[in-house]
Amino acid sequence: MITKEEITIKVPSEVAEAYRNATEEEREQLELKIAAIMQFQFTTKRRESIARLRNTMDKASFEAQERGLTHEILKSLLNDDE
C-alpha cells in the first residue's frame, strides 16, 4: 500500500476555488494526476542528471586516455598512499 502525505502548493485562486467545489471523487482524481505529473518530473530530472554525469565521466576518461593515462598508471596513482 502506498503511504500518502499531505503537501501544500500555491495555485491561482480560480484553481483553488474549482478544487474546493469539486466532488470528492474529482478531487481524488486530480490528486492522482498531480502526483503522477510530479513523479514523472522528478524521475525525468534524475535520469537526465545521471545521463549528464555519465557523459562527463566518459569524456574525462576519453581525454585521459588520449593524453596517455593507462590502467596501470591510474592504478599506481590510486595506490600512491600505500
PDB file of N, CA and C in Angstrom:
ATOM      1  N   MET A   1       0.843  -1.183   0.000  1.00  0.00           N
ATOM      2  CA  MET A   1       0.000   0.000   0.000  1.00  0.00           C
ATOM      3  C   MET A   1       0.885   1.243   0.000  1.00  0.00           C
ATOM      4  N   ILE A   2       0.499   2.227  -0.757  1.00  0.00           N
ATOM      5  CA  ILE A   2       1.257   3.470  -0.867  1.00  0.00           C
ATOM      6  C   ILE A   2       0.865   4.396   0.273  1.00  0.00           C
ATOM      7  N   THR A   3       1.885   4.906   0.959  1.00  0.00           N
ATOM      8  CA  THR A   3       1.653   5.871   2.018  1.00  0.00           C
ATOM      9  C   THR A   3       1.496   7.244   1.394  1.00  0.00           C
ATOM     10  N   LYS A   4       0.519   7.980   1.846  1.00  0.00           N
ATOM     11  CA  LYS A   4       0.282   9.309   1.309  1.00  0.00           C
ATOM     12  C   LYS A   4       0.576  10.352   2.377  1.00  0.00           C
ATOM     13  N   GLU A   5       1.101  11.496   1.924  1.00  0.00           N
ATOM     14  CA  GLU A   5       1.327  12.633   2.798  1.00  0.00           C
ATOM     15  C   GLU A   5       0.702  13.857   2.171  1.00  0.00           C
ATOM     16  N   GLU A   6       0.295  14.756   2.997  1.00  0.00           N
ATOM     17  CA  GLU A   6      -0.294  15.992   2.507  1.00  0.00           C
ATOM     18  C   GLU A   6       0.794  17.035   2.309  1.00  0.00           C
ATOM     19  N   ILE A   7       0.717  17.770   1.196  1.00  0.00           N
ATOM     20  CA  ILE A   7       1.613  18.893   0.941  1.00  0.00           C
ATOM     21  C   ILE A   7       0.758  20.102   0.597  1.00  0.00           C
ATOM     22  N   THR A   8       1.369  21.254   0.615  1.00  0.00           N
ATOM     23  CA  THR A   8       0.660  22.477   0.261  1.00  0.00           C
ATOM     24  C   THR A   8       1.361  23.104  -0.930  1.00  0.00           C
ATOM     25  N   ILE A   9       0.595  23.450  -1.948  1.00  0.00           N
ATOM     26  CA  ILE A   9       1.146  24.137  -3.110  1.00  0.00           C
ATOM     27  C   ILE A   9       0.284  25.368  -3.391  1.00  0.00           C
ATOM     28  N   LYS A  10       0.910  26.371  -3.987  1.00  0.00           N
ATOM     29  CA  LYS A  10       0.176  27.578  -4.334  1.00  0.00           C
ATOM     30  C   LYS A  10      -0.307  27.464  -5.774  1.00  0.00           C
ATOM     31  N   VAL A  11      -1.576  27.802  -5.960  1.00  0.00           N
ATOM     32  CA  VAL A  11      -2.194  27.783  -7.288  1.00  0.00           C
ATOM     33  C   VAL A  11      -3.011  29.062  -7.441  1.00  0.00           C
ATOM     34  N   PRO A  12      -3.370  29.406  -8.668  1.00  0.00           N
ATOM     35  CA  PRO A  12      -4.238  30.574  -8.853  1.00  0.00           C
ATOM     36  C   PRO A  12      -5.557  30.404  -8.101  1.00  0.00           C
ATOM     37  N   SER A  13      -6.139  31.516  -7.686  1.00  0.00           N
ATOM     38  CA  SER A  13      -7.378  31.494  -6.899  1.00  0.00           C
ATOM     39  C   SER A  13      -8.491  30.705  -7.571  1.00  0.00           C
ATOM     40  N   GLU A  14      -8.578  30.835  -8.894  1.00  0.00           N
ATOM     41  CA  GLU A  14      -9.653  30.135  -9.619  1.00  0.00           C
ATOM     42  C   GLU A  14      -9.475  28.613  -9.519  1.00  0.00           C
ATOM     43  N   VAL A  15      -8.238  28.183  -9.554  1.00  0.00           N
ATOM     44  CA  VAL A  15      -7.963  26.746  -9.455  1.00  0.00           C
ATOM     45  C   VAL A  15      -8.318  26.252  -8.063  1.00  0.00           C
ATOM     46  N   ALA A  16      -7.947  27.021  -7.045  1.00  0.00           N
ATOM     47  CA  ALA A  16      -8.267  26.635  -5.676  1.00  0.00           C
ATOM     48  C   ALA A  16      -9.779  26.557  -5.460  1.00  0.00           C
ATOM     49  N   GLU A  17     -10.489  27.522  -6.001  1.00  0.00           N
ATOM     50  CA  GLU A  17     -11.940  27.529  -5.858  1.00  0.00           C
ATOM     51  C   GLU A  17     -12.568  26.334  -6.572  1.00  0.00           C
ATOM     52  N   ALA A  18     -12.099  26.043  -7.780  1.00  0.00           N
ATOM     53  CA  ALA A  18     -12.626  24.894  -8.521  1.00  0.00           C
ATOM     54  C   ALA A  18     -12.351  23.596  -7.767  1.00  0.00           C
ATOM     55  N   TYR A  19     -11.175  23.498  -7.157  1.00  0.00           N
ATOM     56  CA  TYR A  19     -10.840  22.294  -6.392  1.00  0.00           C
ATOM     57  C   TYR A  19     -11.770  22.152  -5.183  1.00  0.00           C
ATOM     58  N   ARG A  20     -11.975  23.255  -4.476  1.00  0.00           N
ATOM     59  CA  ARG A  20     -12.865  23.204  -3.295  1.00  0.00           C
ATOM     60  C   ARG A  20     -14.296  22.836  -3.695  1.00  0.00           C
ATOM     61  N   ASN A  21     -14.712  23.255  -4.885  1.00  0.00           N
ATOM     62  CA  ASN A  21     -16.082  22.981  -5.337  1.00  0.00           C
ATOM     63  C   ASN A  21     -16.227  21.610  -6.008  1.00  0.00           C
ATOM     64  N   ALA A  22     -15.134  20.919  -6.223  1.00  0.00           N
ATOM     65  CA  ALA A  22     -15.183  19.606  -6.881  1.00  0.00           C
ATOM     66  C   ALA A  22     -15.714  18.554  -5.913  1.00  0.00           C
ATOM     67  N   THR A  23     -16.229  17.483  -6.492  1.00  0.00           N
ATOM     68  CA  THR A  23     -16.690  16.368  -5.661  1.00  0.00           C
ATOM     69  C   THR A  23     -15.464  15.645  -5.087  1.00  0.00           C
ATOM     70  N   GLU A  24     -15.694  14.815  -4.112  1.00  0.00           N
ATOM     71  CA  GLU A  24     -14.599  14.047  -3.514  1.00  0.00           C
ATOM     72  C   GLU A  24     -13.910  13.175  -4.560  1.00  0.00           C
ATOM     73  N   GLU A  25     -14.702  12.564  -5.424  1.00  0.00           N
ATOM     74  CA  GLU A  25     -14.140  11.722  -6.478  1.00  0.00           C
ATOM     75  C   GLU A  25     -13.282  12.545  -7.449  1.00  0.00           C
ATOM     76  N   GLU A  26     -13.756  13.730  -7.817  1.00  0.00           N
ATOM     77  CA  GLU A  26     -12.983  14.602  -8.705  1.00  0.00           C
ATOM     78  C   GLU A  26     -11.671  15.041  -8.049  1.00  0.00           C
ATOM     79  N   ARG A  27     -11.731  15.365  -6.751  1.00  0.00           N
ATOM     80  CA  ARG A  27     -10.516  15.753  -6.032  1.00  0.00           C
ATOM     81  C   ARG A  27      -9.519  14.599  -5.983  1.00  0.00           C
ATOM     82  N   GLU A  28     -10.003  13.396  -5.742  1.00  0.00           N
ATOM     83  CA  GLU A  28      -9.115  12.229  -5.706  1.00  0.00           C
ATOM     84  C   GLU A  28      -8.449  12.015  -7.064  1.00  0.00           C
ATOM     85  N   GLN A  29      -9.214  12.157  -8.146  1.00  0.00           N
ATOM     86  CA  GLN A  29      -8.663  12.007  -9.488  1.00  0.00           C
ATOM     87  C   GLN A  29      -7.607  13.080  -9.769  1.00  0.00           C
ATOM     88  N   LEU A  30      -7.884  14.316  -9.367  1.00  0.00           N
ATOM     89  CA  LEU A  30      -6.923  15.401  -9.538  1.00  0.00           C
ATOM     90  C   LEU A  30      -5.638  15.131  -8.749  1.00  0.00           C
ATOM     91  N   GLU A  31      -5.790  14.652  -7.525  1.00  0.00           N
ATOM     92  CA  GLU A  31      -4.622  14.345  -6.695  1.00  0.00           C
ATOM     93  C   GLU A  31      -3.755  13.277  -7.348  1.00  0.00           C
ATOM     94  N   LEU A  32      -4.392  12.255  -7.909  1.00  0.00           N
ATOM     95  CA  LEU A  32      -3.647  11.203  -8.594  1.00  0.00           C
ATOM     96  C   LEU A  32      -2.908  11.754  -9.814  1.00  0.00           C
ATOM     97  N   LYS A  33      -3.584  12.607 -10.577  1.00  0.00           N
ATOM     98  CA  LYS A  33      -2.955  13.196 -11.762  1.00  0.00           C
ATOM     99  C   LYS A  33      -1.780  14.091 -11.384  1.00  0.00           C
ATOM    100  N   ILE A  34      -1.960  14.922 -10.373  1.00  0.00           N
ATOM    101  CA  ILE A  34      -0.880  15.815  -9.929  1.00  0.00           C
ATOM    102  C   ILE A  34       0.302  14.994  -9.417  1.00  0.00           C
ATOM    103  N   ALA A  35       0.025  13.957  -8.636  1.00  0.00           N
ATOM    104  CA  ALA A  35       1.092  13.099  -8.126  1.00  0.00           C
ATOM    105  C   ALA A  35       1.856  12.435  -9.273  1.00  0.00           C
ATOM    106  N   ALA A  36       1.137  11.980 -10.299  1.00  0.00           N
ATOM    107  CA  ALA A  36       1.786  11.336 -11.449  1.00  0.00           C
ATOM    108  C   ALA A  36       2.670  12.324 -12.208  1.00  0.00           C
ATOM    109  N   ILE A  37       2.170  13.532 -12.393  1.00  0.00           N
ATOM    110  CA  ILE A  37       2.962  14.562 -13.082  1.00  0.00           C
ATOM    111  C   ILE A  37       4.228  14.880 -12.299  1.00  0.00           C
ATOM    112  N   MET A  38       4.102  15.045 -10.999  1.00  0.00           N
ATOM    113  CA  MET A  38       5.265  15.365 -10.168  1.00  0.00           C
ATOM    114  C   MET A  38       6.264  14.217 -10.167  1.00  0.00           C
ATOM    115  N   GLN A  39       5.769  13.001 -10.061  1.00  0.00           N
ATOM    116  CA  GLN A  39       6.652  11.838 -10.063  1.00  0.00           C
ATOM    117  C   GLN A  39       7.415  11.746 -11.372  1.00  0.00           C
ATOM    118  N   PHE A  40       6.728  11.954 -12.464  1.00  0.00           N
ATOM    119  CA  PHE A  40       7.360  11.924 -13.781  1.00  0.00           C
ATOM    120  C   PHE A  40       8.429  13.003 -13.875  1.00  0.00           C
ATOM    121  N   GLN A  41       8.112  14.200 -13.408  1.00  0.00           N
ATOM    122  CA  GLN A  41       9.042  15.322 -13.461  1.00  0.00           C
ATOM    123  C   GLN A  41      10.318  15.013 -12.678  1.00  0.00           C
ATOM    124  N   PHE A  42      10.174  14.489 -11.465  1.00  0.00           N
ATOM    125  CA  PHE A  42      11.340  14.196 -10.633  1.00  0.00           C
ATOM    126  C   PHE A  42      12.147  13.038 -11.199  1.00  0.00           C
ATOM    127  N   THR A  43      11.471  12.026 -11.718  1.00  0.00           N
ATOM    128  CA  THR A  43      12.156  10.875 -12.305  1.00  0.00           C
ATOM    129  C   THR A  43      12.929  11.294 -13.549  1.00  0.00           C
ATOM    130  N   THR A  44      12.317  12.120 -14.379  1.00  0.00           N
ATOM    131  CA  THR A  44      12.974  12.590 -15.595  1.00  0.00           C
ATOM    132  C   THR A  44      14.214  13.409 -15.261  1.00  0.00           C
ATOM    133  N   LYS A  45      14.109  14.307 -14.294  1.00  0.00           N
ATOM    134  CA  LYS A  45      15.259  15.128 -13.906  1.00  0.00           C
ATOM    135  C   LYS A  45      16.389  14.252 -13.392  1.00  0.00           C
ATOM    136  N   ARG A  46      16.057  13.221 -12.616  1.00  0.00           N
ATOM    137  CA  ARG A  46      17.080  12.319 -12.077  1.00  0.00           C
ATOM    138  C   ARG A  46      17.775  11.573 -13.212  1.00  0.00           C
ATOM    139  N   ARG A  47      16.994  11.074 -14.159  1.00  0.00           N
ATOM    140  CA  ARG A  47      17.573  10.363 -15.306  1.00  0.00           C
ATOM    141  C   ARG A  47      18.477  11.278 -16.123  1.00  0.00           C
ATOM    142  N   GLU A  48      18.035  12.507 -16.324  1.00  0.00           N
ATOM    143  CA  GLU A  48      18.847  13.465 -17.080  1.00  0.00           C
ATOM    144  C   GLU A  48      20.151  13.764 -16.349  1.00  0.00           C
ATOM    145  N   SER A  49      20.093  13.896 -15.036  1.00  0.00           N
ATOM    146  CA  SER A  49      21.299  14.159 -14.244  1.00  0.00           C
ATOM    147  C   SER A  49      22.276  12.992 -14.329  1.00  0.00           C
ATOM    148  N   ILE A  50      21.755  11.783 -14.244  1.00  0.00           N
ATOM    149  CA  ILE A  50      22.599  10.589 -14.344  1.00  0.00           C
ATOM    150  C   ILE A  50      23.233  10.521 -15.729  1.00  0.00           C
ATOM    151  N   ALA A  51      22.459  10.812 -16.758  1.00  0.00           N
ATOM    152  CA  ALA A  51      22.991  10.780 -18.127  1.00  0.00           C
ATOM    153  C   ALA A  51      24.087  11.831 -18.309  1.00  0.00           C
ATOM    154  N   ARG A  52      23.888  13.031 -17.764  1.00  0.00           N
ATOM    155  CA  ARG A  52      24.916  14.077 -17.858  1.00  0.00           C
ATOM    156  C   ARG A  52      26.181  13.656 -17.125  1.00  0.00           C
ATOM    157  N   LEU A  53      26.026  13.041 -15.934  1.00  0.00           N
ATOM    158  CA  LEU A  53      27.187  12.577 -15.177  1.00  0.00           C
ATOM    159  C   LEU A  53      27.948  11.517 -15.955  1.00  0.00           C
ATOM    160  N   ARG A  54      27.228  10.550 -16.505  1.00  0.00           N
ATOM    161  CA  ARG A  54      27.884   9.501 -17.297  1.00  0.00           C
ATOM    162  C   ARG A  54      28.612  10.088 -18.499  1.00  0.00           C
ATOM    163  N   ASN A  55      27.985  11.044 -19.170  1.00  0.00           N
ATOM    164  CA  ASN A  55      28.588  11.689 -20.322  1.00  0.00           C
ATOM    165  C   ASN A  55      29.877  12.422 -19.911  1.00  0.00           C
ATOM    166  N   THR A  56      29.834  13.129 -18.803  1.00  0.00           N
ATOM    167  CA  THR A  56      31.015  13.837 -18.308  1.00  0.00           C
ATOM    168  C   THR A  56      32.127  12.865 -17.958  1.00  0.00           C
ATOM    169  N   MET A  57      31.767  11.765 -17.305  1.00  0.00           N
ATOM    170  CA  MET A  57      32.768  10.761 -16.935  1.00  0.00           C
ATOM    171  C   MET A  57      33.377  10.113 -18.179  1.00  0.00           C
ATOM    172  N   ASP A  58      32.555   9.833 -19.176  1.00  0.00           N
ATOM    173  CA  ASP A  58      33.059   9.258 -20.431  1.00  0.00           C
ATOM    174  C   ASP A  58      34.027  10.208 -21.122  1.00  0.00           C
ATOM    175  N   LYS A  59      33.679  11.502 -21.160  1.00  0.00           N
ATOM    176  CA  LYS A  59      34.561  12.492 -21.776  1.00  0.00           C
ATOM    177  C   LYS A  59      35.889  12.577 -21.030  1.00  0.00           C
ATOM    178  N   ALA A  60      35.826  12.607 -19.699  1.00  0.00           N
ATOM    179  CA  ALA A  60      37.050  12.684 -18.902  1.00  0.00           C
ATOM    180  C   ALA A  60      37.912  11.448 -19.131  1.00  0.00           C
ATOM    181  N   SER A  61      37.306  10.290 -19.185  1.00  0.00           N
ATOM    182  CA  SER A  61      38.033   9.051 -19.432  1.00  0.00           C
ATOM    183  C   SER A  61      38.704   9.076 -20.808  1.00  0.00           C
ATOM    184  N   PHE A  62      37.950   9.504 -21.823  1.00  0.00           N
ATOM    185  CA  PHE A  62      38.484   9.566 -23.174  1.00  0.00           C
ATOM    186  C   PHE A  62      39.662  10.535 -23.248  1.00  0.00           C
ATOM    187  N   GLU A  63      39.504  11.714 -22.642  1.00  0.00           N
ATOM    188  CA  GLU A  63      40.575  12.707 -22.664  1.00  0.00           C
ATOM    189  C   GLU A  63      41.815  12.197 -21.924  1.00  0.00           C
ATOM    190  N   ALA A  64      41.610  11.522 -20.801  1.00  0.00           N
ATOM    191  CA  ALA A  64      42.742  10.977 -20.051  1.00  0.00           C
ATOM    192  C   ALA A  64      43.475   9.920 -20.869  1.00  0.00           C
ATOM    193  N   GLN A  65      42.731   9.061 -21.555  1.00  0.00           N
ATOM    194  CA  GLN A  65      43.348   8.037 -22.389  1.00  0.00           C
ATOM    195  C   GLN A  65      44.076   8.667 -23.566  1.00  0.00           C
ATOM    196  N   GLU A  66      43.490   9.714 -24.142  1.00  0.00           N
ATOM    197  CA  GLU A  66      44.137  10.422 -25.250  1.00  0.00           C
ATOM    198  C   GLU A  66      45.459  11.046 -24.807  1.00  0.00           C
ATOM    199  N   ARG A  67      45.544  11.420 -23.540  1.00  0.00           N
ATOM    200  CA  ARG A  67      46.757  12.055 -23.014  1.00  0.00           C
ATOM    201  C   ARG A  67      47.740  11.039 -22.435  1.00  0.00           C
ATOM    202  N   GLY A  68      47.420   9.750 -22.603  1.00  0.00           N
ATOM    203  CA  GLY A  68      48.368   8.712 -22.223  1.00  0.00           C
ATOM    204  C   GLY A  68      48.110   8.004 -20.904  1.00  0.00           C
ATOM    205  N   LEU A  69      47.001   8.283 -20.253  1.00  0.00           N
ATOM    206  CA  LEU A  69      46.708   7.590 -18.998  1.00  0.00           C
ATOM    207  C   LEU A  69      46.314   6.149 -19.295  1.00  0.00           C
ATOM    208  N   THR A  70      47.001   5.219 -18.666  1.00  0.00           N
ATOM    209  CA  THR A  70      46.688   3.798 -18.825  1.00  0.00           C
ATOM    210  C   THR A  70      46.115   3.275 -17.513  1.00  0.00           C
ATOM    211  N   HIS A  71      45.574   2.055 -17.548  1.00  0.00           N
ATOM    212  CA  HIS A  71      45.055   1.437 -16.333  1.00  0.00           C
ATOM    213  C   HIS A  71      46.163   1.273 -15.295  1.00  0.00           C
ATOM    214  N   GLU A  72      47.348   0.949 -15.763  1.00  0.00           N
ATOM    215  CA  GLU A  72      48.478   0.758 -14.851  1.00  0.00           C
ATOM    216  C   GLU A  72      48.862   2.068 -14.161  1.00  0.00           C
ATOM    217  N   ILE A  73      48.906   3.149 -14.926  1.00  0.00           N
ATOM    218  CA  ILE A  73      49.244   4.450 -14.349  1.00  0.00           C
ATOM    219  C   ILE A  73      48.157   4.882 -13.359  1.00  0.00           C
ATOM    220  N   LEU A  74      46.909   4.704 -13.745  1.00  0.00           N
ATOM    221  CA  LEU A  74      45.801   5.066 -12.858  1.00  0.00           C
ATOM    222  C   LEU A  74      45.865   4.269 -11.569  1.00  0.00           C
ATOM    223  N   LYS A  75      46.102   2.959 -11.682  1.00  0.00           N
ATOM    224  CA  LYS A  75      46.194   2.112 -10.502  1.00  0.00           C
ATOM    225  C   LYS A  75      47.350   2.574  -9.604  1.00  0.00           C
ATOM    226  N   SER A  76      48.458   2.921 -10.207  1.00  0.00           N
ATOM    227  CA  SER A  76      49.618   3.403  -9.457  1.00  0.00           C
ATOM    228  C   SER A  76      49.280   4.709  -8.732  1.00  0.00           C
ATOM    229  N   LEU A  77      48.561   5.605  -9.412  1.00  0.00           N
ATOM    230  CA  LEU A  77      48.187   6.868  -8.807  1.00  0.00           C
ATOM    231  C   LEU A  77      47.214   6.661  -7.638  1.00  0.00           C
ATOM    232  N   LEU A  78      46.266   5.759  -7.821  1.00  0.00           N
ATOM    233  CA  LEU A  78      45.275   5.489  -6.786  1.00  0.00           C
ATOM    234  C   LEU A  78      45.881   4.793  -5.576  1.00  0.00           C
ATOM    235  N   ASN A  79      46.934   3.998  -5.793  1.00  0.00           N
ATOM    236  CA  ASN A  79      47.576   3.272  -4.702  1.00  0.00           C
ATOM    237  C   ASN A  79      48.788   4.014  -4.158  1.00  0.00           C
ATOM    238  N   ASP A  80      48.952   5.270  -4.508  1.00  0.00           N
ATOM    239  CA  ASP A  80      50.099   6.057  -4.113  1.00  0.00           C
ATOM    240  C   ASP A  80      50.225   6.215  -2.606  1.00  0.00           C
ATOM    241  N   ASP A  81      49.120   6.163  -1.882  1.00  0.00           N
ATOM    242  CA  ASP A  81      49.135   6.330  -0.423  1.00  0.00           C
ATOM    243  C   ASP A  81      49.731   5.130   0.295  1.00  0.00           C
ATOM    244  N   GLU A  82      49.788   3.999  -0.361  1.00  0.00           N
ATOM    245  CA  GLU A  82      50.245   2.779   0.312  1.00  0.00           C
ATOM    246  C   GLU A  82      51.727   2.728   0.473  1.00  0.00           C
TER     247      GLU A  82
END
